[in-house]
Amino acid sequence: MLLIAKSCFRMQGRVFKSTGSFYIVAGSDKKYYSCRTRGKLRLEGYKESNPLAVGDWVNFDEVGNEGTINEILPRSNHVLRQSVKRTEHSSVLAANVDQALLIVTLAQPRTSLGFIDRFLVSCEAFRIPQIILFNKSDLMDGERTEFIEGLMSLYSEVGVKTLVVSALKFTQKEAVLALLDGKTTLMAGHSGVGKSTLLNRLAPEIMQTVGDISAYSEKGMHTTTFAEMFQLNEKTFVIDTPGIKEWGLVDMNEQEISDYFPEMRDLRLNCKFGSKCIHFNEPKCAIIDAVKSGKITLSRYENYLGMVTGKDNRK
């Protein structure tokens, strides 16, 4: 019996989808390949539970329409959170992104300010620009509208872009597209905040599954199971991620967390104890003085303390 060996080619590509067992990689030839990782890739000292993430650039050996990933190329950045199943490890949501977009809702489900600030801090640690999209404007009454206007003012002052939308009614379409245009954007949020609905409005051919809100818990039910990157046009990519219940910080000590609050970063140099000050109850602390004078918002400071002390951010 004559066996004909298939030709094997080394190629560079980018990970578009991760399921944990296989990856969809867009090759440099603009074709998609179903790939697995080389056996030892997970054993080479990675602290992440998923060393390979959507957005990674990789080298892979291609045979037919399948491939074997043998190298992860250096990242420009990545977004981390603490692994839910293995707390000593981290989970990489996405890599090599230009910005991170958090979709927030005040009800059905409710997004806490603690969750928002932990997300922003994790992105700021890698100097990744942040956007907050306040969704479900069609469900807002006067009181909620006023509250959101206050939050928009608060976060705009610390360099975060904000926008109010209704993904269901697809308001602010052009404004959303302008924010995404020409960039790779990580999109995150709780289950049920409208990530998949928004994606389907931006590009109907994506057809992400949309779930309902649990009547019992008023929380979203998971519809997106794996992270996946979608291409909206030649230079615009959006990475959709599974709904996130809580956000644990990774590899940050008490002294450095204030570095990732823009309104605290420069002020902390004026503290009496300098870099050793954690702005808790130390004398002559410039951060505490700024909170008392209103230069730093109390909610941001309280969330900072929650991060330093490890307080649950879901409240």
Protein backbone atom coordinates (compact mmCIF):
# COMPACT_ATOMS: atom_id res chain seq x y z
CA MET A 1 0.00 0.00 0.00
CA LEU A 2 1.45 3.36 -1.02
CA LEU A 3 1.23 6.17 1.61
CA ILE A 4 1.44 9.75 0.40
CA ALA A 5 2.71 12.19 3.05
CA LYS A 6 0.90 15.51 3.32
CA SER A 7 3.01 18.65 2.92
CA CYS A 8 3.60 20.63 6.11
CA PHE A 9 4.09 24.40 6.06
CA ARG A 10 5.17 26.79 8.85
CA MET A 11 2.88 29.81 9.00
CA GLN A 12 2.11 32.80 11.21
CA GLY A 13 -1.44 33.56 12.26
CA ARG A 14 -3.71 35.06 14.90
CA VAL A 15 -6.00 33.20 17.28
CA PHE A 16 -9.66 34.04 16.59
CA LYS A 17 -11.36 31.50 18.86
CA SER A 18 -10.37 29.43 21.87
CA THR A 19 -12.36 26.51 23.25
CA GLY A 20 -9.67 25.20 25.59
CA SER A 21 -9.03 22.13 23.45
CA PHE A 22 -8.65 23.62 19.99
CA TYR A 23 -8.17 27.05 18.45
CA ILE A 24 -9.34 28.72 15.25
CA VAL A 25 -6.38 30.56 13.75
CA ALA A 26 -6.50 33.01 10.85
CA GLY A 27 -3.35 32.34 8.84
CA SER A 28 -1.27 34.87 6.94
CA ASP A 29 -2.94 33.49 3.80
CA LYS A 30 -6.31 34.78 5.17
CA LYS A 31 -7.64 31.24 5.58
CA TYR A 32 -8.89 29.75 8.87
CA TYR A 33 -7.33 26.66 10.45
CA SER A 34 -8.45 24.40 13.29
CA CYS A 35 -5.35 24.05 15.47
CA ARG A 36 -4.18 22.29 18.58
CA THR A 37 -1.19 23.20 20.69
CA ARG A 38 2.10 21.35 20.75
CA GLY A 39 2.08 19.02 23.76
CA LYS A 40 4.74 20.82 25.81
CA LEU A 41 3.41 24.33 25.21
CA ARG A 42 1.34 24.25 28.42
CA LEU A 43 4.27 23.01 30.50
CA GLU A 44 6.76 25.79 29.81
CA GLY A 45 6.39 27.88 32.96
CA TYR A 46 3.18 29.76 32.19
CA LYS A 47 1.29 31.04 35.23
CA GLU A 48 -1.91 31.41 33.21
CA SER A 49 -4.52 28.68 33.18
CA ASN A 50 -4.83 29.33 29.44
CA PRO A 51 -1.38 30.33 28.11
CA LEU A 52 -2.85 30.76 24.63
CA ALA A 53 -5.57 33.41 24.26
CA VAL A 54 -7.71 34.99 21.58
CA GLY A 55 -5.72 37.78 19.95
CA ASP A 56 -2.39 35.98 20.29
CA TRP A 57 -0.06 35.89 17.31
CA VAL A 58 1.35 32.40 16.84
CA ASN A 59 3.50 30.25 14.60
CA PHE A 60 1.88 27.00 13.54
CA ASP A 61 2.57 24.04 11.26
CA GLU A 62 -0.23 23.66 8.73
CA VAL A 63 -1.32 20.38 7.14
CA GLY A 64 -4.43 20.70 5.03
CA ASN A 65 -6.96 22.77 6.99
CA GLU A 66 -5.50 21.83 10.37
CA GLY A 67 -2.44 22.92 12.28
CA THR A 68 -0.23 22.53 15.33
CA ILE A 69 0.66 25.68 17.27
CA ASN A 70 4.28 25.50 18.36
CA GLU A 71 5.07 29.07 19.43
CA ILE A 72 3.27 32.04 20.99
CA LEU A 73 4.81 35.28 19.73
CA PRO A 74 5.58 38.13 22.20
CA ARG A 75 2.51 40.10 23.29
CA SER A 76 2.13 43.87 23.33
CA ASN A 77 -0.31 43.45 26.24
CA HIS A 78 -2.99 41.20 27.66
CA VAL A 79 -5.96 41.49 30.01
CA LEU A 80 -5.81 39.24 33.07
CA ARG A 81 -8.13 38.29 35.86
CA GLN A 82 -7.80 35.74 38.63
CA SER A 83 -8.74 32.23 37.53
CA VAL A 84 -12.03 31.11 39.08
CA LYS A 85 -11.07 27.44 39.37
CA ARG A 86 -7.37 27.85 40.24
CA THR A 87 -6.85 30.95 42.37
CA GLU A 88 -3.07 30.68 42.18
CA HIS A 89 -3.34 31.08 38.42
CA SER A 90 -4.61 33.85 36.18
CA SER A 91 -6.94 33.71 33.20
CA VAL A 92 -6.10 35.67 30.04
CA LEU A 93 -9.23 37.15 28.49
CA ALA A 94 -7.47 38.43 25.39
CA ALA A 95 -4.08 39.52 24.09
CA ASN A 96 -2.73 42.27 21.83
CA VAL A 97 -5.70 44.60 22.12
CA ASP A 98 -5.87 48.32 21.39
CA GLN A 99 -8.63 49.06 23.90
CA ALA A 100 -11.04 47.42 26.32
CA LEU A 101 -14.78 48.03 26.37
CA LEU A 102 -16.88 47.22 29.43
CA ILE A 103 -20.64 46.97 28.95
CA VAL A 104 -22.47 48.05 32.10
CA THR A 105 -26.12 47.92 33.16
CA LEU A 106 -27.71 49.32 36.30
CA ALA A 107 -30.41 46.65 36.40
CA GLN A 108 -31.16 43.27 34.86
CA PRO A 109 -28.32 42.59 35.73
CA ARG A 110 -26.74 45.21 37.97
CA THR A 111 -23.05 46.02 37.51
CA SER A 112 -21.37 47.18 40.72
CA LEU A 113 -18.92 50.09 40.83
CA GLY A 114 -16.43 47.71 42.45
CA PHE A 115 -16.54 45.46 39.41
CA ILE A 116 -16.13 48.44 37.07
CA ASP A 117 -13.09 49.76 38.90
CA ARG A 118 -11.39 46.37 39.07
CA PHE A 119 -11.80 46.02 35.32
CA LEU A 120 -10.38 49.50 34.73
CA VAL A 121 -7.41 48.85 37.04
CA SER A 122 -6.58 45.57 35.29
CA CYS A 123 -6.52 47.37 31.93
CA GLU A 124 -4.64 50.39 33.25
CA ALA A 125 -1.90 48.06 34.50
CA PHE A 126 -1.04 47.45 30.83
CA ARG A 127 -1.91 51.02 29.75
CA ILE A 128 -4.84 49.72 27.71
CA PRO A 129 -7.37 52.54 27.02
CA GLN A 130 -10.81 51.88 28.47
CA ILE A 131 -14.39 52.52 27.36
CA ILE A 132 -17.57 52.11 29.41
CA LEU A 133 -20.79 51.52 27.49
CA PHE A 134 -23.88 52.03 29.65
CA ASN A 135 -26.43 49.77 27.95
CA LYS A 136 -30.22 49.41 28.14
CA SER A 137 -31.00 53.12 28.03
CA ASP A 138 -34.52 52.05 27.00
CA LEU A 139 -35.04 50.77 30.56
CA MET A 140 -33.80 53.90 32.33
CA ASP A 141 -36.06 56.24 34.27
CA GLY A 142 -35.18 59.76 35.31
CA GLU A 143 -33.38 58.72 38.48
CA ARG A 144 -31.18 56.16 36.71
CA THR A 145 -30.43 58.59 33.90
CA GLU A 146 -29.24 61.16 36.42
CA PHE A 147 -27.10 58.55 38.19
CA ILE A 148 -25.47 57.47 34.92
CA GLU A 149 -24.74 61.07 33.99
CA GLY A 150 -22.86 61.36 37.28
CA LEU A 151 -20.88 58.18 36.55
CA MET A 152 -20.05 59.40 33.04
CA SER A 153 -18.67 62.61 34.48
CA LEU A 154 -16.69 60.68 37.13
CA TYR A 155 -15.04 58.27 34.71
CA SER A 156 -14.48 60.84 31.99
CA GLU A 157 -12.41 62.85 34.47
CA VAL A 158 -10.01 59.90 34.90
CA GLY A 159 -9.59 59.38 31.16
CA VAL A 160 -12.23 56.72 30.44
CA LYS A 161 -14.47 57.18 27.39
CA THR A 162 -18.18 56.70 28.11
CA LEU A 163 -21.33 56.30 26.04
CA VAL A 164 -25.00 55.50 26.76
CA VAL A 165 -26.66 53.11 24.30
CA SER A 166 -29.54 50.74 23.79
CA ALA A 167 -28.22 47.65 22.04
CA LEU A 168 -31.79 46.37 21.68
CA LYS A 169 -32.97 49.48 19.82
CA PHE A 170 -29.50 50.07 18.41
CA THR A 171 -29.14 53.70 19.36
CA GLN A 172 -25.78 55.45 18.89
CA LYS A 173 -24.76 53.06 16.08
CA GLU A 174 -22.40 55.51 14.39
CA ALA A 175 -20.84 56.55 17.70
CA VAL A 176 -20.15 52.92 18.65
CA LEU A 177 -18.68 52.12 15.23
CA ALA A 178 -16.45 55.20 15.48
CA LEU A 179 -15.10 54.01 18.85
CA LEU A 180 -14.27 50.57 17.40
CA ASP A 181 -13.01 51.60 13.98
CA GLY A 182 -9.50 50.46 13.09
CA LYS A 183 -8.84 48.83 16.45
CA THR A 184 -8.87 45.44 18.18
CA THR A 185 -11.31 45.80 21.08
CA LEU A 186 -11.88 43.47 24.01
CA MET A 187 -15.56 43.48 25.00
CA ALA A 188 -16.45 42.31 28.51
CA GLY A 189 -19.21 42.44 31.11
CA HIS A 190 -21.61 40.34 33.16
CA SER A 191 -23.84 37.79 31.45
CA GLY A 192 -26.98 39.51 30.23
CA VAL A 193 -25.61 43.05 29.81
CA GLY A 194 -26.04 42.88 26.03
CA LYS A 195 -22.65 42.03 24.56
CA SER A 196 -24.03 39.56 22.01
CA THR A 197 -27.00 41.79 21.18
CA LEU A 198 -24.66 44.68 20.44
CA LEU A 199 -22.41 42.51 18.27
CA ASN A 200 -25.39 41.25 16.28
CA ARG A 201 -26.49 44.85 15.68
CA LEU A 202 -23.00 45.88 14.52
CA ALA A 203 -22.62 42.93 12.17
CA PRO A 204 -25.80 40.82 11.67
CA GLU A 205 -23.83 38.01 10.02
CA ILE A 206 -22.16 37.26 13.38
CA MET A 207 -25.38 35.80 14.80
CA GLN A 208 -24.24 35.42 18.42
CA THR A 209 -26.77 33.61 20.64
CA VAL A 210 -28.71 35.99 22.87
CA GLY A 211 -29.92 34.82 26.28
CA ASP A 212 -32.63 35.88 28.70
CA ILE A 213 -32.37 37.32 32.19
CA SER A 214 -33.18 34.92 35.02
CA ALA A 215 -36.44 36.03 36.61
CA TYR A 216 -35.26 34.60 39.94
CA SER A 217 -31.84 36.24 40.25
CA GLU A 218 -32.17 39.11 37.71
CA LYS A 219 -28.77 37.99 36.41
CA GLY A 220 -27.87 37.05 32.88
CA MET A 221 -27.59 33.44 31.81
CA HIS A 222 -24.44 32.46 29.90
CA THR A 223 -24.78 32.45 26.13
CA THR A 224 -21.21 33.07 24.98
CA THR A 225 -19.22 29.99 26.07
CA PHE A 226 -15.80 30.76 24.61
CA ALA A 227 -13.89 33.91 23.73
CA GLU A 228 -14.03 34.68 20.03
CA MET A 229 -12.77 37.49 17.79
CA PHE A 230 -14.94 38.89 15.02
CA GLN A 231 -13.82 41.03 12.11
CA LEU A 232 -16.13 43.96 11.38
CA ASN A 233 -14.05 45.31 8.50
CA GLU A 234 -10.50 45.03 7.21
CA LYS A 235 -8.95 46.75 10.23
CA THR A 236 -11.61 46.45 12.94
CA PHE A 237 -11.84 43.47 15.30
CA VAL A 238 -14.00 42.83 18.37
CA ILE A 239 -13.28 40.09 20.92
CA ASP A 240 -16.44 38.80 22.57
CA THR A 241 -15.93 37.10 25.95
CA PRO A 242 -18.09 34.89 28.20
CA GLY A 243 -20.03 36.69 30.91
CA ILE A 244 -17.93 37.43 34.00
CA LYS A 245 -19.42 37.20 37.49
CA GLU A 246 -16.52 38.67 39.46
CA TRP A 247 -13.13 40.15 38.73
CA GLY A 248 -10.08 39.14 40.78
CA LEU A 249 -6.86 41.13 40.41
CA VAL A 250 -3.62 39.38 39.49
CA ASP A 251 -0.01 39.98 40.57
CA MET A 252 -0.60 43.37 42.22
CA ASN A 253 0.84 44.22 45.61
CA GLU A 254 -0.63 46.76 48.01
CA GLN A 255 1.82 49.49 47.07
CA GLU A 256 1.25 49.43 43.31
CA ILE A 257 -2.56 49.33 43.05
CA SER A 258 -2.83 53.13 43.46
CA ASP A 259 -0.57 53.47 40.38
CA TYR A 260 -3.49 52.22 38.30
CA PHE A 261 -5.88 54.91 39.52
CA PRO A 262 -4.95 57.90 37.33
CA GLU A 263 -6.21 60.41 39.90
CA MET A 264 -3.96 58.83 42.56
CA ARG A 265 -0.85 58.09 40.50
CA ASP A 266 0.84 61.48 40.79
CA LEU A 267 -0.57 62.49 44.17
CA ARG A 268 0.88 59.45 45.94
CA LEU A 269 4.39 60.88 45.46
CA ASN A 270 3.46 63.56 48.01
CA CYS A 271 2.64 61.06 50.77
CA LYS A 272 4.86 61.27 53.86
CA PHE A 273 5.85 57.60 53.53
CA GLY A 274 6.20 57.74 49.73
CA SER A 275 5.92 54.43 47.89
CA LYS A 276 5.35 52.53 51.16
CA CYS A 277 2.09 54.35 51.83
CA ILE A 278 -1.02 52.30 51.03
CA HIS A 279 -3.34 55.27 51.78
CA PHE A 280 -5.28 53.50 54.49
CA ASN A 281 -4.73 55.45 57.70
CA GLU A 282 -1.16 56.74 57.41
CA PRO A 283 -0.45 60.32 58.59
CA LYS A 284 0.10 63.06 55.98
CA CYS A 285 -1.25 60.89 53.17
CA ALA A 286 -1.86 62.96 50.02
CA ILE A 287 -4.50 60.51 48.78
CA ILE A 288 -6.57 60.66 51.98
CA ASP A 289 -6.32 64.47 51.94
CA ALA A 290 -7.56 64.49 48.31
CA VAL A 291 -10.55 62.32 49.26
CA LYS A 292 -11.43 64.67 52.11
CA SER A 293 -11.23 67.69 49.81
CA GLY A 294 -13.29 66.02 47.09
CA LYS A 295 -10.50 65.80 44.50
CA ILE A 296 -10.81 62.01 44.58
CA THR A 297 -14.31 60.54 44.54
CA LEU A 298 -15.25 58.57 47.66
CA SER A 299 -16.58 55.59 45.67
CA ARG A 300 -13.29 55.23 43.80
CA TYR A 301 -11.32 55.44 47.04
CA GLU A 302 -13.55 52.87 48.75
CA ASN A 303 -13.14 50.51 45.79
CA TYR A 304 -9.38 51.05 45.96
CA LEU A 305 -9.44 50.02 49.63
CA GLY A 306 -11.49 46.97 48.68
CA MET A 307 -8.78 45.91 46.25
CA VAL A 308 -6.02 46.41 48.81
CA THR A 309 -7.87 44.41 51.46
CA GLY A 310 -9.26 41.78 49.07
CA LYS A 311 -12.90 42.73 49.71
CA ASP A 312 -15.57 41.05 47.55
CA ASN A 313 -16.33 43.31 44.58
CA ARG A 314 -19.80 41.96 43.80
CA LYS A 315 -21.61 44.04 46.44
